Amino acid sequence: MSQEIKNRVKGVLINKLLRDLKPEDIKDDTPLIELGVGVDSVATLELIVALEEEFQIGIDESEINREILTNLGSISAYIFDRIRTGSR
């Protein structure tokens, strides 16, 4: 998986949901819920829309689950797979 994708996902997380953090505060395996990213519908929708815009992909909300939103690594892996398979 690309470090560029992880950096861009970090940017989305910080700009949209975690404004008080710096990129170095978010590690691949840091649980996002502990950082304040709830898995409520509003935060999830904001994150999905921001990721769609950043990566120019379409994300079906029904595909997003707790496993994908666990941490930076899991979100980045999901995005990487979407881009790799051409699921835009």
Protein backbone atom coordinates (compact mmCIF):
# COMPACT_ATOMS: atom_id res chain seq x y z
CA MET A 1 0.00 0.00 0.00
CA SER A 2 1.19 3.48 -0.79
CA GLN A 3 2.49 5.85 1.88
CA GLU A 4 0.99 8.62 -0.25
CA ILE A 5 -2.49 7.17 0.31
CA LYS A 6 -1.91 7.00 4.06
CA ASN A 7 -0.72 10.60 4.12
CA ARG A 8 -3.73 11.76 2.15
CA VAL A 9 -6.12 9.82 4.43
CA LYS A 10 -4.40 11.43 7.45
CA GLY A 11 -4.99 14.81 5.83
CA VAL A 12 -8.67 14.06 5.40
CA LEU A 13 -9.00 12.86 8.99
CA ILE A 14 -7.26 15.93 10.36
CA ASN A 15 -9.01 18.45 8.13
CA LYS A 16 -12.50 17.02 8.59
CA LEU A 17 -12.64 15.25 11.96
CA LEU A 18 -9.50 15.56 14.08
CA ARG A 19 -8.54 19.21 13.75
CA ASP A 20 -6.58 19.27 17.01
CA LEU A 21 -4.10 16.58 15.89
CA LYS A 22 -0.94 16.64 13.84
CA PRO A 23 -0.14 13.99 11.21
CA GLU A 24 2.50 12.42 13.44
CA ASP A 25 -0.16 11.87 16.14
CA ILE A 26 -1.95 9.33 13.95
CA LYS A 27 -0.16 6.00 13.55
CA ASP A 28 -1.33 3.19 11.26
CA ASP A 29 -2.73 1.18 14.17
CA THR A 30 -3.98 3.97 16.45
CA PRO A 31 -7.66 3.25 17.15
CA LEU A 32 -9.58 6.14 15.66
CA ILE A 33 -12.35 5.91 18.23
CA GLU A 34 -9.77 6.73 20.94
CA LEU A 35 -8.82 9.83 18.94
CA GLY A 36 -12.41 11.00 18.88
CA VAL A 37 -13.69 9.61 15.60
CA GLY A 38 -17.01 8.15 16.56
CA VAL A 39 -18.66 5.67 14.32
CA ASP A 40 -21.92 7.57 14.41
CA SER A 41 -23.72 8.24 11.19
CA VAL A 42 -22.79 11.93 10.93
CA ALA A 43 -19.03 11.38 11.39
CA THR A 44 -19.11 8.39 9.07
CA LEU A 45 -20.94 10.33 6.37
CA GLU A 46 -18.52 13.27 6.67
CA LEU A 47 -15.56 10.93 6.36
CA ILE A 48 -17.03 9.08 3.37
CA VAL A 49 -17.78 12.30 1.49
CA ALA A 50 -14.32 13.70 2.23
CA LEU A 51 -12.60 10.48 1.09
CA GLU A 52 -14.68 10.38 -2.09
CA GLU A 53 -13.64 13.94 -2.90
CA GLU A 54 -9.98 13.43 -2.04
CA PHE A 55 -9.55 10.21 -4.02
CA GLN A 56 -12.20 10.77 -6.71
CA ILE A 57 -13.89 7.46 -5.93
CA GLY A 58 -17.41 6.40 -5.12
CA ILE A 59 -18.00 4.72 -1.78
CA ASP A 60 -21.22 2.89 -1.03
CA GLU A 61 -22.14 3.61 2.59
CA SER A 62 -23.30 0.02 2.97
CA GLU A 63 -19.68 -1.11 2.39
CA ILE A 64 -18.36 0.94 5.30
CA ASN A 65 -18.26 -0.91 8.58
CA ARG A 66 -16.49 -0.79 11.93
CA GLU A 67 -13.57 -2.88 10.62
CA ILE A 68 -12.81 -0.39 7.85
CA LEU A 69 -13.04 2.56 10.26
CA THR A 70 -10.82 0.95 12.90
CA ASN A 71 -7.63 2.88 12.17
CA LEU A 72 -5.60 4.69 9.53
CA GLY A 73 -4.22 1.41 8.20
CA SER A 74 -7.64 -0.15 7.63
CA ILE A 75 -9.07 2.95 5.94
CA SER A 76 -5.97 3.30 3.75
CA ALA A 77 -6.11 -0.38 2.78
CA TYR A 78 -9.76 0.04 1.77
CA ILE A 79 -8.95 3.12 -0.35
CA PHE A 80 -5.92 1.40 -1.90
CA ASP A 81 -8.07 -1.59 -2.87
CA ARG A 82 -10.75 0.67 -4.40
CA ILE A 83 -8.14 2.48 -6.48
CA ARG A 84 -6.27 -0.72 -7.44
CA THR A 85 -9.41 -2.49 -8.63
CA GLY A 86 -10.66 0.58 -10.44
CA SER A 87 -13.82 0.78 -8.31
CA ARG A 88 -14.33 4.47 -8.84
